[in-house]
Amino acid sequence: RKVLEAAWRATRKARVLGSATICLVALHPSKPELIAANIGDSGFLLLRPAHTASPRLGTLGVAAQGAAPSSPEADGQARYSVAFRSPQQLRSFNAPFQLGLAPDSPEEGGDDRFETPQDAALVRVPIEEGDVVVLATDGLFDNVGEEEVIAVVEASEGEGAQQLATRLAHRAQELSLAREVDSPFAVLAKENDILWGGGRPDDITV
């Protein structure tokens, strides 16, 4: 949170206008743990080789109820499972928490239209050898479901991180323009009584 706070104060001081979600992730310097601060609907997936996978973990390593991952022995397919997914923060559907500054924002004090670093969701997640972390904006997660993310990761095995990120971003772009798919965004829209079909064009960073 200290890094997030320093960046936020620096951009406010420079009067940088605009808004953004943010997800900062780092490895603990002395133990196998991932530390993250997240505001909004950017986030990360922690993928674990299925043969070593433990039950899906929540914040501070608490196992989520009913979330035991599948294994290749059980389904004959996926070699990875989702060990953890970072929580989203939304004011309402499709209205994520954001840090920001408007032209009429006060120089001092808060602005009710935006959040502050104090609103960040802080998580600490145990990690293991072989884990893969997919960190991205909602342009990925709104268009590519968890199973397809895993499929892309498996198809990219042996490639570098940059190649994997490019593959995921390209796949998200393809699906964002598709009209015949039932994207994760479309599913959530329907759950909120909003008629939406296909993908959702958006900024995509992986």
N, C-alpha and C. Protein backbone atom coordinates (compact mmCIF):
# COMPACT_ATOMS: atom_id res chain seq x y z
N ARG A 1 0.82 -1.20 0.00
CA ARG A 1 0.00 0.00 0.00
C ARG A 1 0.86 1.26 0.00
N LYS A 2 2.05 1.21 0.57
CA LYS A 2 2.92 2.39 0.62
C LYS A 2 3.31 2.83 -0.79
N VAL A 3 3.62 1.87 -1.67
CA VAL A 3 3.96 2.20 -3.06
C VAL A 3 2.77 2.85 -3.75
N LEU A 4 1.59 2.28 -3.55
CA LEU A 4 0.37 2.82 -4.14
C LEU A 4 0.11 4.24 -3.63
N GLU A 5 0.27 4.44 -2.36
CA GLU A 5 0.06 5.76 -1.76
C GLU A 5 1.02 6.79 -2.33
N ALA A 6 2.30 6.42 -2.48
CA ALA A 6 3.29 7.35 -3.00
C ALA A 6 2.99 7.72 -4.45
N ALA A 7 2.61 6.73 -5.27
CA ALA A 7 2.29 7.00 -6.67
C ALA A 7 1.05 7.89 -6.78
N TRP A 8 0.05 7.61 -5.97
CA TRP A 8 -1.19 8.39 -5.99
C TRP A 8 -0.93 9.85 -5.62
N ARG A 9 -0.15 10.06 -4.56
CA ARG A 9 0.15 11.43 -4.14
C ARG A 9 0.97 12.17 -5.20
N ALA A 10 1.89 11.46 -5.86
CA ALA A 10 2.72 12.10 -6.89
C ALA A 10 1.88 12.53 -8.09
N THR A 11 0.94 11.69 -8.51
CA THR A 11 0.11 12.05 -9.67
C THR A 11 -0.87 13.17 -9.31
N ARG A 12 -1.36 13.17 -8.09
CA ARG A 12 -2.25 14.27 -7.67
C ARG A 12 -1.49 15.58 -7.61
N LYS A 13 -0.28 15.53 -7.10
CA LYS A 13 0.53 16.75 -7.00
C LYS A 13 0.83 17.31 -8.38
N ALA A 14 1.05 16.41 -9.36
CA ALA A 14 1.33 16.84 -10.73
C ALA A 14 0.06 17.18 -11.49
N ARG A 15 -1.12 17.02 -10.87
CA ARG A 15 -2.42 17.29 -11.48
C ARG A 15 -2.61 16.51 -12.77
N VAL A 16 -2.27 15.22 -12.71
CA VAL A 16 -2.49 14.33 -13.86
C VAL A 16 -3.97 13.96 -13.88
N LEU A 17 -4.69 14.36 -14.92
CA LEU A 17 -6.13 14.15 -15.00
C LEU A 17 -6.45 12.77 -15.57
N GLY A 18 -7.54 12.20 -15.10
CA GLY A 18 -7.97 10.89 -15.58
C GLY A 18 -8.21 9.95 -14.41
N SER A 19 -8.53 8.71 -14.75
CA SER A 19 -8.79 7.72 -13.70
C SER A 19 -8.34 6.35 -14.18
N ALA A 20 -8.11 5.46 -13.24
CA ALA A 20 -7.65 4.11 -13.59
C ALA A 20 -7.86 3.16 -12.42
N THR A 21 -8.06 1.90 -12.76
CA THR A 21 -7.95 0.85 -11.77
C THR A 21 -6.47 0.53 -11.61
N ILE A 22 -6.12 -0.21 -10.58
CA ILE A 22 -4.71 -0.53 -10.39
C ILE A 22 -4.57 -1.84 -9.60
N CYS A 23 -3.57 -2.62 -9.98
CA CYS A 23 -3.26 -3.85 -9.25
C CYS A 23 -1.75 -3.98 -9.16
N LEU A 24 -1.23 -3.91 -7.96
CA LEU A 24 0.21 -4.04 -7.72
C LEU A 24 0.46 -5.40 -7.07
N VAL A 25 1.41 -6.14 -7.62
CA VAL A 25 1.73 -7.47 -7.11
C VAL A 25 3.24 -7.59 -6.93
N ALA A 26 3.66 -8.19 -5.83
CA ALA A 26 5.09 -8.39 -5.57
C ALA A 26 5.29 -9.71 -4.83
N LEU A 27 6.49 -10.27 -4.98
CA LEU A 27 6.87 -11.44 -4.22
C LEU A 27 7.45 -11.00 -2.88
N HIS A 28 7.09 -11.71 -1.83
CA HIS A 28 7.68 -11.42 -0.52
C HIS A 28 9.18 -11.68 -0.61
N PRO A 29 10.01 -10.81 -0.03
CA PRO A 29 11.46 -10.97 -0.17
C PRO A 29 12.06 -12.17 0.55
N SER A 30 11.34 -12.75 1.52
CA SER A 30 11.98 -13.80 2.30
C SER A 30 11.14 -15.07 2.49
N LYS A 31 9.91 -15.10 1.97
CA LYS A 31 9.12 -16.32 2.10
C LYS A 31 8.23 -16.49 0.88
N PRO A 32 7.78 -17.73 0.62
CA PRO A 32 6.99 -18.00 -0.61
C PRO A 32 5.57 -17.45 -0.50
N GLU A 33 5.45 -16.17 -0.77
CA GLU A 33 4.17 -15.50 -0.62
C GLU A 33 4.05 -14.38 -1.64
N LEU A 34 2.85 -14.24 -2.19
CA LEU A 34 2.54 -13.16 -3.11
C LEU A 34 1.77 -12.09 -2.34
N ILE A 35 2.17 -10.83 -2.51
CA ILE A 35 1.52 -9.71 -1.82
C ILE A 35 0.92 -8.80 -2.89
N ALA A 36 -0.33 -8.40 -2.71
CA ALA A 36 -0.97 -7.57 -3.73
C ALA A 36 -1.85 -6.50 -3.10
N ALA A 37 -1.95 -5.37 -3.81
CA ALA A 37 -2.90 -4.31 -3.47
C ALA A 37 -3.70 -4.02 -4.74
N ASN A 38 -5.01 -4.06 -4.62
CA ASN A 38 -5.85 -3.94 -5.81
C ASN A 38 -6.98 -2.95 -5.58
N ILE A 39 -7.20 -2.10 -6.59
CA ILE A 39 -8.35 -1.20 -6.58
C ILE A 39 -9.08 -1.37 -7.91
N GLY A 40 -10.33 -1.81 -7.86
CA GLY A 40 -11.12 -1.94 -9.08
C GLY A 40 -11.19 -3.34 -9.61
N ASP A 41 -11.29 -3.45 -10.96
CA ASP A 41 -11.50 -4.76 -11.58
C ASP A 41 -10.33 -5.26 -12.42
N SER A 42 -9.16 -4.62 -12.32
CA SER A 42 -7.95 -5.29 -12.76
C SER A 42 -7.62 -6.34 -11.70
N GLY A 43 -6.74 -7.26 -11.99
CA GLY A 43 -6.45 -8.26 -10.98
C GLY A 43 -5.53 -9.35 -11.48
N PHE A 44 -5.51 -10.47 -10.78
CA PHE A 44 -4.62 -11.56 -11.17
C PHE A 44 -5.23 -12.91 -10.84
N LEU A 45 -4.79 -13.90 -11.62
CA LEU A 45 -5.09 -15.30 -11.36
C LEU A 45 -3.80 -15.99 -10.96
N LEU A 46 -3.86 -16.81 -9.93
CA LEU A 46 -2.73 -17.65 -9.55
C LEU A 46 -3.06 -19.07 -10.00
N LEU A 47 -2.31 -19.56 -10.99
CA LEU A 47 -2.53 -20.90 -11.53
C LEU A 47 -1.50 -21.85 -10.97
N ARG A 48 -1.94 -23.04 -10.61
CA ARG A 48 -1.06 -24.02 -9.97
C ARG A 48 -1.12 -25.35 -10.73
N PRO A 49 0.03 -25.98 -10.95
CA PRO A 49 0.00 -27.32 -11.56
C PRO A 49 -0.98 -28.22 -10.81
N ALA A 50 -1.89 -28.82 -11.53
CA ALA A 50 -3.00 -29.53 -10.88
C ALA A 50 -2.54 -30.69 -10.02
N HIS A 51 -1.41 -31.32 -10.36
CA HIS A 51 -0.97 -32.47 -9.56
C HIS A 51 -0.46 -32.06 -8.19
N THR A 52 -0.20 -30.74 -7.99
CA THR A 52 0.24 -30.27 -6.67
C THR A 52 -0.77 -29.34 -6.04
N ALA A 53 -1.91 -29.14 -6.71
CA ALA A 53 -2.85 -28.10 -6.27
C ALA A 53 -3.49 -28.43 -4.93
N SER A 54 -3.54 -27.40 -4.08
CA SER A 54 -4.26 -27.47 -2.82
C SER A 54 -5.59 -26.76 -3.01
N PRO A 55 -6.52 -26.82 -2.04
CA PRO A 55 -7.79 -26.12 -2.20
C PRO A 55 -7.57 -24.64 -2.50
N ARG A 56 -8.52 -24.05 -3.26
CA ARG A 56 -8.40 -22.65 -3.64
C ARG A 56 -8.23 -21.80 -2.39
N LEU A 57 -7.29 -20.87 -2.44
CA LEU A 57 -6.95 -20.07 -1.29
C LEU A 57 -7.64 -18.72 -1.33
N GLY A 58 -8.00 -18.24 -0.15
CA GLY A 58 -8.54 -16.89 -0.03
C GLY A 58 -7.49 -15.97 0.55
N THR A 59 -7.89 -14.76 0.86
CA THR A 59 -6.98 -13.79 1.44
C THR A 59 -6.35 -14.35 2.71
N LEU A 60 -5.05 -14.15 2.85
CA LEU A 60 -4.27 -14.64 3.99
C LEU A 60 -4.24 -16.16 4.05
N GLY A 61 -4.45 -16.80 2.89
CA GLY A 61 -4.28 -18.24 2.83
C GLY A 61 -5.42 -19.06 3.40
N VAL A 62 -6.60 -18.45 3.60
CA VAL A 62 -7.74 -19.19 4.10
C VAL A 62 -8.41 -19.92 2.95
N ALA A 63 -8.62 -21.22 3.08
CA ALA A 63 -9.21 -22.00 1.99
C ALA A 63 -10.66 -21.59 1.78
N ALA A 64 -11.02 -21.34 0.52
CA ALA A 64 -12.39 -20.98 0.19
C ALA A 64 -13.27 -22.22 0.22
N GLN A 65 -14.47 -22.11 0.78
CA GLN A 65 -15.35 -23.26 0.90
C GLN A 65 -15.82 -23.72 -0.47
N GLY A 66 -15.84 -25.04 -0.67
CA GLY A 66 -16.37 -25.61 -1.90
C GLY A 66 -15.59 -25.26 -3.14
N ALA A 67 -14.30 -24.92 -2.99
CA ALA A 67 -13.54 -24.46 -4.15
C ALA A 67 -12.34 -25.33 -4.45
N ALA A 68 -12.39 -26.60 -4.09
CA ALA A 68 -11.27 -27.50 -4.38
C ALA A 68 -11.09 -27.61 -5.89
N PRO A 69 -9.87 -27.37 -6.41
CA PRO A 69 -9.66 -27.39 -7.85
C PRO A 69 -9.69 -28.80 -8.42
N SER A 70 -9.92 -28.86 -9.72
CA SER A 70 -9.90 -30.15 -10.40
C SER A 70 -8.46 -30.59 -10.61
N SER A 71 -8.26 -31.83 -11.02
CA SER A 71 -6.93 -32.34 -11.29
C SER A 71 -6.95 -33.11 -12.59
N PRO A 72 -5.81 -33.27 -13.25
CA PRO A 72 -5.81 -34.02 -14.49
C PRO A 72 -6.24 -35.47 -14.29
N GLU A 73 -5.95 -36.02 -13.09
CA GLU A 73 -6.38 -37.39 -12.82
C GLU A 73 -7.91 -37.47 -12.76
N ALA A 74 -8.54 -36.39 -12.26
CA ALA A 74 -9.98 -36.41 -12.09
C ALA A 74 -10.72 -36.16 -13.39
N ASP A 75 -10.22 -35.25 -14.23
CA ASP A 75 -10.97 -34.92 -15.44
C ASP A 75 -10.23 -35.24 -16.73
N GLY A 76 -8.98 -35.67 -16.61
CA GLY A 76 -8.23 -36.04 -17.80
C GLY A 76 -7.88 -34.89 -18.72
N GLN A 77 -7.96 -33.65 -18.22
CA GLN A 77 -7.74 -32.50 -19.10
C GLN A 77 -6.73 -31.52 -18.53
N ALA A 78 -7.20 -30.53 -17.79
CA ALA A 78 -6.36 -29.39 -17.42
C ALA A 78 -5.15 -29.81 -16.58
N ARG A 79 -4.00 -29.23 -16.92
CA ARG A 79 -2.79 -29.47 -16.14
C ARG A 79 -2.59 -28.39 -15.08
N TYR A 80 -3.39 -27.33 -15.16
CA TYR A 80 -3.37 -26.27 -14.16
C TYR A 80 -4.77 -26.08 -13.59
N SER A 81 -4.83 -25.56 -12.39
CA SER A 81 -6.11 -25.14 -11.81
C SER A 81 -5.91 -23.77 -11.18
N VAL A 82 -7.03 -23.09 -10.91
CA VAL A 82 -6.96 -21.76 -10.29
C VAL A 82 -6.84 -21.92 -8.79
N ALA A 83 -5.70 -21.52 -8.24
CA ALA A 83 -5.49 -21.59 -6.80
C ALA A 83 -6.04 -20.34 -6.10
N PHE A 84 -6.06 -19.21 -6.83
CA PHE A 84 -6.57 -17.97 -6.23
C PHE A 84 -6.93 -16.98 -7.34
N ARG A 85 -8.01 -16.24 -7.13
CA ARG A 85 -8.38 -15.13 -8.01
C ARG A 85 -8.58 -13.89 -7.15
N SER A 86 -7.94 -12.80 -7.51
CA SER A 86 -8.04 -11.58 -6.71
C SER A 86 -9.47 -11.05 -6.72
N PRO A 87 -9.92 -10.47 -5.63
CA PRO A 87 -11.29 -9.97 -5.55
C PRO A 87 -11.46 -8.67 -6.35
N GLN A 88 -12.61 -8.53 -6.99
CA GLN A 88 -12.95 -7.28 -7.67
C GLN A 88 -13.57 -6.30 -6.67
N GLN A 89 -13.45 -5.02 -6.98
CA GLN A 89 -14.10 -3.98 -6.18
C GLN A 89 -14.96 -3.15 -7.13
N LEU A 90 -16.27 -3.16 -6.90
CA LEU A 90 -17.20 -2.46 -7.78
C LEU A 90 -18.15 -1.58 -6.96
N ARG A 91 -18.43 -0.39 -7.47
CA ARG A 91 -19.49 0.43 -6.89
C ARG A 91 -20.85 -0.15 -7.29
N SER A 92 -20.91 -0.60 -8.53
CA SER A 92 -22.07 -1.29 -9.07
C SER A 92 -21.59 -2.02 -10.32
N PHE A 93 -22.49 -2.74 -11.00
CA PHE A 93 -22.05 -3.47 -12.18
C PHE A 93 -21.39 -2.53 -13.19
N ASN A 94 -20.19 -2.94 -13.66
CA ASN A 94 -19.43 -2.19 -14.66
C ASN A 94 -19.02 -0.80 -14.18
N ALA A 95 -18.97 -0.61 -12.87
CA ALA A 95 -18.51 0.66 -12.30
C ALA A 95 -17.47 0.34 -11.23
N PRO A 96 -16.24 0.05 -11.65
CA PRO A 96 -15.20 -0.37 -10.68
C PRO A 96 -14.68 0.79 -9.84
N PHE A 97 -14.15 0.44 -8.68
CA PHE A 97 -13.38 1.41 -7.92
C PHE A 97 -12.26 1.95 -8.81
N GLN A 98 -11.92 3.23 -8.65
CA GLN A 98 -10.83 3.82 -9.42
C GLN A 98 -10.13 4.92 -8.62
N LEU A 99 -8.85 5.07 -8.87
CA LEU A 99 -8.14 6.26 -8.43
C LEU A 99 -8.24 7.27 -9.56
N GLY A 100 -8.38 8.55 -9.23
CA GLY A 100 -8.51 9.50 -10.32
C GLY A 100 -8.48 10.95 -9.87
N LEU A 101 -8.47 11.81 -10.88
CA LEU A 101 -8.46 13.24 -10.65
C LEU A 101 -9.21 13.90 -11.81
N ALA A 102 -10.22 14.71 -11.48
CA ALA A 102 -10.99 15.45 -12.48
C ALA A 102 -10.53 16.91 -12.50
N PRO A 103 -10.83 17.64 -13.57
CA PRO A 103 -10.42 19.05 -13.63
C PRO A 103 -10.91 19.87 -12.44
N ASP A 104 -12.08 19.50 -11.91
CA ASP A 104 -12.63 20.26 -10.79
C ASP A 104 -12.40 19.60 -9.43
N SER A 105 -11.52 18.60 -9.39
CA SER A 105 -11.19 17.98 -8.11
C SER A 105 -10.45 18.96 -7.22
N PRO A 106 -10.74 18.96 -5.91
CA PRO A 106 -10.02 19.86 -5.00
C PRO A 106 -8.55 19.48 -4.90
N GLU A 107 -7.70 20.47 -4.70
CA GLU A 107 -6.26 20.18 -4.57
C GLU A 107 -5.98 19.43 -3.28
N GLU A 108 -6.75 19.70 -2.26
CA GLU A 108 -6.60 19.00 -0.99
C GLU A 108 -7.94 18.34 -0.64
N GLY A 109 -7.86 17.24 0.08
CA GLY A 109 -9.08 16.55 0.48
C GLY A 109 -9.53 15.54 -0.55
N GLY A 110 -10.64 14.90 -0.25
CA GLY A 110 -11.11 13.82 -1.09
C GLY A 110 -12.05 14.27 -2.20
N ASP A 111 -12.38 13.33 -3.06
CA ASP A 111 -13.32 13.53 -4.16
C ASP A 111 -14.20 12.29 -4.18
N ASP A 112 -15.48 12.46 -3.90
CA ASP A 112 -16.38 11.32 -3.76
C ASP A 112 -16.53 10.50 -5.04
N ARG A 113 -16.08 11.02 -6.18
CA ARG A 113 -16.19 10.29 -7.43
C ARG A 113 -15.12 9.21 -7.56
N PHE A 114 -14.08 9.30 -6.72
CA PHE A 114 -12.96 8.36 -6.82
C PHE A 114 -12.63 7.76 -5.46
N GLU A 115 -11.88 6.67 -5.51
CA GLU A 115 -11.38 6.04 -4.29
C GLU A 115 -10.00 6.57 -3.94
N THR A 116 -9.48 6.11 -2.81
CA THR A 116 -8.12 6.45 -2.39
C THR A 116 -7.36 5.15 -2.13
N PRO A 117 -6.04 5.20 -1.96
CA PRO A 117 -5.29 3.97 -1.66
C PRO A 117 -5.78 3.24 -0.41
N GLN A 118 -6.45 3.96 0.49
CA GLN A 118 -6.96 3.31 1.70
C GLN A 118 -8.08 2.33 1.37
N ASP A 119 -8.67 2.43 0.18
CA ASP A 119 -9.75 1.53 -0.23
C ASP A 119 -9.22 0.25 -0.88
N ALA A 120 -7.92 0.14 -1.04
CA ALA A 120 -7.35 -1.02 -1.74
C ALA A 120 -7.63 -2.33 -0.99
N ALA A 121 -7.91 -3.37 -1.76
CA ALA A 121 -8.01 -4.72 -1.20
C ALA A 121 -6.59 -5.28 -1.09
N LEU A 122 -6.17 -5.66 0.09
CA LEU A 122 -4.83 -6.19 0.33
C LEU A 122 -4.90 -7.69 0.51
N VAL A 123 -4.10 -8.43 -0.25
CA VAL A 123 -4.11 -9.88 -0.14
C VAL A 123 -2.68 -10.42 -0.02
N ARG A 124 -2.58 -11.53 0.65
CA ARG A 124 -1.32 -12.27 0.77
C ARG A 124 -1.64 -13.72 0.49
N VAL A 125 -0.97 -14.30 -0.50
CA VAL A 125 -1.30 -15.64 -0.96
C VAL A 125 -0.05 -16.51 -1.00
N PRO A 126 -0.06 -17.68 -0.36
CA PRO A 126 1.08 -18.60 -0.45
C PRO A 126 1.29 -19.04 -1.90
N ILE A 127 2.53 -19.18 -2.32
CA ILE A 127 2.84 -19.64 -3.66
C ILE A 127 3.75 -20.86 -3.59
N GLU A 128 3.77 -21.62 -4.71
CA GLU A 128 4.58 -22.82 -4.78
C GLU A 128 5.37 -22.83 -6.08
N GLU A 129 6.42 -23.64 -6.12
CA GLU A 129 7.20 -23.80 -7.35
C GLU A 129 6.29 -24.28 -8.48
N GLY A 130 6.42 -23.66 -9.64
CA GLY A 130 5.61 -24.03 -10.78
C GLY A 130 4.35 -23.20 -10.96
N ASP A 131 4.01 -22.35 -9.98
CA ASP A 131 2.84 -21.49 -10.10
C ASP A 131 3.03 -20.50 -11.25
N VAL A 132 1.91 -20.10 -11.86
CA VAL A 132 1.91 -19.08 -12.90
C VAL A 132 0.96 -17.97 -12.46
N VAL A 133 1.43 -16.73 -12.52
CA VAL A 133 0.59 -15.58 -12.17
C VAL A 133 0.23 -14.83 -13.44
N VAL A 134 -1.08 -14.67 -13.68
CA VAL A 134 -1.57 -13.91 -14.82
C VAL A 134 -2.16 -12.61 -14.28
N LEU A 135 -1.46 -11.50 -14.53
CA LEU A 135 -1.85 -10.18 -14.04
C LEU A 135 -2.38 -9.37 -15.23
N ALA A 136 -3.60 -8.83 -15.11
CA ALA A 136 -4.20 -8.19 -16.28
C ALA A 136 -5.29 -7.20 -15.89
N THR A 137 -5.65 -6.35 -16.88
CA THR A 137 -6.81 -5.48 -16.73
C THR A 137 -8.08 -6.27 -17.02
N ASP A 138 -9.22 -5.62 -16.81
CA ASP A 138 -10.49 -6.32 -17.03
C ASP A 138 -10.73 -6.63 -18.50
N GLY A 139 -9.97 -6.03 -19.41
CA GLY A 139 -10.11 -6.37 -20.82
C GLY A 139 -9.82 -7.83 -21.08
N LEU A 140 -8.97 -8.45 -20.26
CA LEU A 140 -8.74 -9.89 -20.36
C LEU A 140 -9.87 -10.66 -19.68
N PHE A 141 -10.14 -10.33 -18.41
CA PHE A 141 -11.06 -11.13 -17.62
C PHE A 141 -12.52 -10.99 -18.08
N ASP A 142 -12.88 -9.86 -18.72
CA ASP A 142 -14.25 -9.70 -19.24
C ASP A 142 -14.50 -10.55 -20.47
N ASN A 143 -13.42 -10.98 -21.14
CA ASN A 143 -13.57 -11.67 -22.42
C ASN A 143 -13.06 -13.11 -22.43
N VAL A 144 -12.17 -13.45 -21.53
CA VAL A 144 -11.57 -14.79 -21.52
C VAL A 144 -11.85 -15.44 -20.17
N GLY A 145 -12.58 -16.53 -20.19
CA GLY A 145 -12.89 -17.24 -18.96
C GLY A 145 -11.69 -17.96 -18.39
N GLU A 146 -11.79 -18.40 -17.15
CA GLU A 146 -10.67 -19.06 -16.47
C GLU A 146 -10.20 -20.29 -17.23
N GLU A 147 -11.14 -21.10 -17.74
CA GLU A 147 -10.74 -22.33 -18.43
C GLU A 147 -9.94 -22.03 -19.68
N GLU A 148 -10.32 -20.96 -20.39
CA GLU A 148 -9.57 -20.63 -21.60
C GLU A 148 -8.22 -20.01 -21.28
N VAL A 149 -8.14 -19.23 -20.20
CA VAL A 149 -6.84 -18.72 -19.76
C VAL A 149 -5.90 -19.90 -19.50
N ILE A 150 -6.41 -20.91 -18.79
CA ILE A 150 -5.60 -22.09 -18.50
C ILE A 150 -5.17 -22.78 -19.79
N ALA A 151 -6.09 -22.88 -20.76
CA ALA A 151 -5.76 -23.54 -22.02
C ALA A 151 -4.65 -22.80 -22.76
N VAL A 152 -4.69 -21.47 -22.73
CA VAL A 152 -3.64 -20.67 -23.39
C VAL A 152 -2.31 -20.86 -22.67
N VAL A 153 -2.34 -20.87 -21.35
CA VAL A 153 -1.12 -21.09 -20.57
C VAL A 153 -0.52 -22.44 -20.91
N GLU A 154 -1.35 -23.47 -20.97
CA GLU A 154 -0.84 -24.81 -21.27
C GLU A 154 -0.28 -24.88 -22.69
N ALA A 155 -0.93 -24.20 -23.64
CA ALA A 155 -0.45 -24.21 -25.03
C ALA A 155 0.85 -23.44 -25.18
N SER A 156 1.15 -22.56 -24.21
CA SER A 156 2.35 -21.73 -24.28
C SER A 156 3.49 -22.28 -23.44
N GLU A 157 3.32 -23.48 -22.90
CA GLU A 157 4.34 -24.06 -22.02
C GLU A 157 5.69 -24.12 -22.73
N GLY A 158 6.72 -23.66 -22.06
CA GLY A 158 8.06 -23.63 -22.64
C GLY A 158 8.40 -22.29 -23.25
N GLU A 159 7.42 -21.42 -23.45
CA GLU A 159 7.67 -20.08 -23.96
C GLU A 159 7.94 -19.13 -22.81
N GLY A 160 8.41 -17.94 -23.13
CA GLY A 160 8.69 -16.95 -22.11
C GLY A 160 7.44 -16.21 -21.67
N ALA A 161 7.60 -15.41 -20.61
CA ALA A 161 6.47 -14.66 -20.06
C ALA A 161 5.90 -13.67 -21.07
N GLN A 162 6.77 -13.02 -21.85
CA GLN A 162 6.30 -12.05 -22.83
C GLN A 162 5.44 -12.71 -23.91
N GLN A 163 5.87 -13.87 -24.38
CA GLN A 163 5.10 -14.58 -25.39
C GLN A 163 3.74 -15.00 -24.85
N LEU A 164 3.71 -15.47 -23.61
CA LEU A 164 2.44 -15.87 -23.00
C LEU A 164 1.51 -14.67 -22.86
N ALA A 165 2.05 -13.54 -22.39
CA ALA A 165 1.23 -12.35 -22.23
C ALA A 165 0.66 -11.89 -23.56
N THR A 166 1.47 -11.97 -24.62
CA THR A 166 1.01 -11.57 -25.95
C THR A 166 -0.10 -12.49 -26.44
N ARG A 167 0.06 -13.80 -26.23
CA ARG A 167 -0.98 -14.75 -26.63
C ARG A 167 -2.30 -14.45 -25.93
N LEU A 168 -2.23 -14.21 -24.63
CA LEU A 168 -3.45 -13.92 -23.86
C LEU A 168 -4.11 -12.62 -24.32
N ALA A 169 -3.29 -11.59 -24.56
CA ALA A 169 -3.84 -10.31 -25.00
C ALA A 169 -4.49 -10.43 -26.38
N HIS A 170 -3.85 -11.16 -27.29
CA HIS A 170 -4.42 -11.34 -28.62
C HIS A 170 -5.73 -12.13 -28.56
N ARG A 171 -5.77 -13.15 -27.70
CA ARG A 171 -7.00 -13.93 -27.58
C ARG A 171 -8.13 -13.07 -27.00
N ALA A 172 -7.80 -12.24 -26.01
CA ALA A 172 -8.81 -11.35 -25.43
C ALA A 172 -9.33 -10.37 -26.47
N GLN A 173 -8.44 -9.85 -27.31
CA GLN A 173 -8.86 -8.93 -28.36
C GLN A 173 -9.80 -9.61 -29.35
N GLU A 174 -9.45 -10.83 -29.76
CA GLU A 174 -10.31 -11.59 -30.68
C GLU A 174 -11.70 -11.78 -30.10
N LEU A 175 -11.77 -12.21 -28.84
CA LEU A 175 -13.06 -12.50 -28.23
C LEU A 175 -13.84 -11.23 -27.92
N SER A 176 -13.14 -10.12 -27.69
CA SER A 176 -13.85 -8.87 -27.40
C SER A 176 -14.66 -8.40 -28.60
N LEU A 177 -14.24 -8.80 -29.80
CA LEU A 177 -14.92 -8.38 -31.03
C LEU A 177 -15.92 -9.42 -31.53
N ALA A 178 -15.95 -10.57 -30.88
CA ALA A 178 -16.86 -11.64 -31.30
C ALA A 178 -18.28 -11.35 -30.81
N ARG A 179 -19.24 -11.71 -31.62
CA ARG A 179 -20.63 -11.46 -31.27
C ARG A 179 -21.39 -12.73 -30.92
N GLU A 180 -20.77 -13.88 -31.23
CA GLU A 180 -21.48 -15.14 -31.02
C GLU A 180 -21.11 -15.81 -29.70
N VAL A 181 -20.16 -15.25 -28.95
CA VAL A 181 -19.72 -15.87 -27.71
C VAL A 181 -20.51 -15.34 -26.51
N ASP A 182 -20.59 -16.16 -25.48
CA ASP A 182 -21.19 -15.72 -24.21
C ASP A 182 -20.03 -15.40 -23.28
N SER A 183 -19.52 -14.20 -23.37
CA SER A 183 -18.32 -13.81 -22.62
C SER A 183 -18.62 -13.71 -21.13
N PRO A 184 -17.57 -13.75 -20.29
CA PRO A 184 -17.80 -13.53 -18.86
C PRO A 184 -18.53 -12.22 -18.57
N PHE A 185 -18.22 -11.17 -19.36
CA PHE A 185 -18.92 -9.89 -19.17
C PHE A 185 -20.40 -10.03 -19.50
N ALA A 186 -20.72 -10.74 -20.59
CA ALA A 186 -22.11 -10.92 -20.99
C ALA A 186 -22.89 -11.69 -19.94
N VAL A 187 -22.26 -12.71 -19.36
CA VAL A 187 -22.92 -13.50 -18.31
C VAL A 187 -23.25 -12.61 -17.12
N LEU A 188 -22.28 -11.78 -16.68
CA LEU A 188 -22.52 -10.89 -15.54
C LEU A 188 -23.58 -9.84 -15.87
N ALA A 189 -23.57 -9.34 -17.12
CA ALA A 189 -24.56 -8.35 -17.52
C ALA A 189 -25.97 -8.92 -17.39
N LYS A 190 -26.14 -10.15 -17.85
CA LYS A 190 -27.46 -10.78 -17.78
C LYS A 190 -27.88 -11.01 -16.33
N GLU A 191 -26.91 -11.32 -15.48
CA GLU A 191 -27.23 -11.49 -14.05
C GLU A 191 -27.69 -10.18 -13.42
N ASN A 192 -27.32 -9.06 -14.07
CA ASN A 192 -27.73 -7.73 -13.59
C ASN A 192 -28.85 -7.15 -14.46
N ASP A 193 -29.57 -8.04 -15.16
CA ASP A 193 -30.73 -7.65 -15.98
C ASP A 193 -30.37 -6.68 -17.08
N ILE A 194 -29.18 -6.85 -17.66
CA ILE A 194 -28.74 -6.03 -18.79
C ILE A 194 -28.55 -6.96 -19.98
N LEU A 195 -29.19 -6.63 -21.10
CA LEU A 195 -29.09 -7.46 -22.29
C LEU A 195 -27.77 -7.16 -23.00
N TRP A 196 -26.90 -8.16 -23.06
CA TRP A 196 -25.58 -7.98 -23.69
C TRP A 196 -25.18 -9.31 -24.32
N GLY A 197 -24.75 -9.26 -25.58
CA GLY A 197 -24.29 -10.46 -26.24
C GLY A 197 -22.88 -10.27 -26.77
N GLY A 198 -22.08 -11.33 -26.73
CA GLY A 198 -20.73 -11.27 -27.26
C GLY A 198 -19.72 -10.74 -26.28
N GLY A 199 -18.55 -10.35 -26.84
CA GLY A 199 -17.47 -9.84 -26.01
C GLY A 199 -17.64 -8.36 -25.68
N ARG A 200 -16.62 -7.82 -25.02
CA ARG A 200 -16.66 -6.41 -24.64
C ARG A 200 -15.34 -5.74 -25.02
N PRO A 201 -15.32 -4.93 -26.08
CA PRO A 201 -14.10 -4.21 -26.44
C PRO A 201 -13.65 -3.30 -25.30
N ASP A 202 -12.40 -3.37 -24.96
CA ASP A 202 -11.88 -2.58 -23.82
C ASP A 202 -10.36 -2.58 -23.90
N ASP A 203 -9.74 -1.76 -23.08
CA ASP A 203 -8.28 -1.79 -23.00
C ASP A 203 -7.84 -3.14 -22.46
N ILE A 204 -6.77 -3.67 -23.01
CA ILE A 204 -6.28 -5.01 -22.62
C ILE A 204 -4.79 -4.91 -22.33
N THR A 205 -4.44 -5.16 -21.09
CA THR A 205 -3.03 -5.20 -20.69
C THR A 205 -2.80 -6.48 -19.91
N VAL A 206 -1.77 -7.24 -20.30
CA VAL A 206 -1.47 -8.51 -19.63
C VAL A 206 0.02 -8.51 -19.27
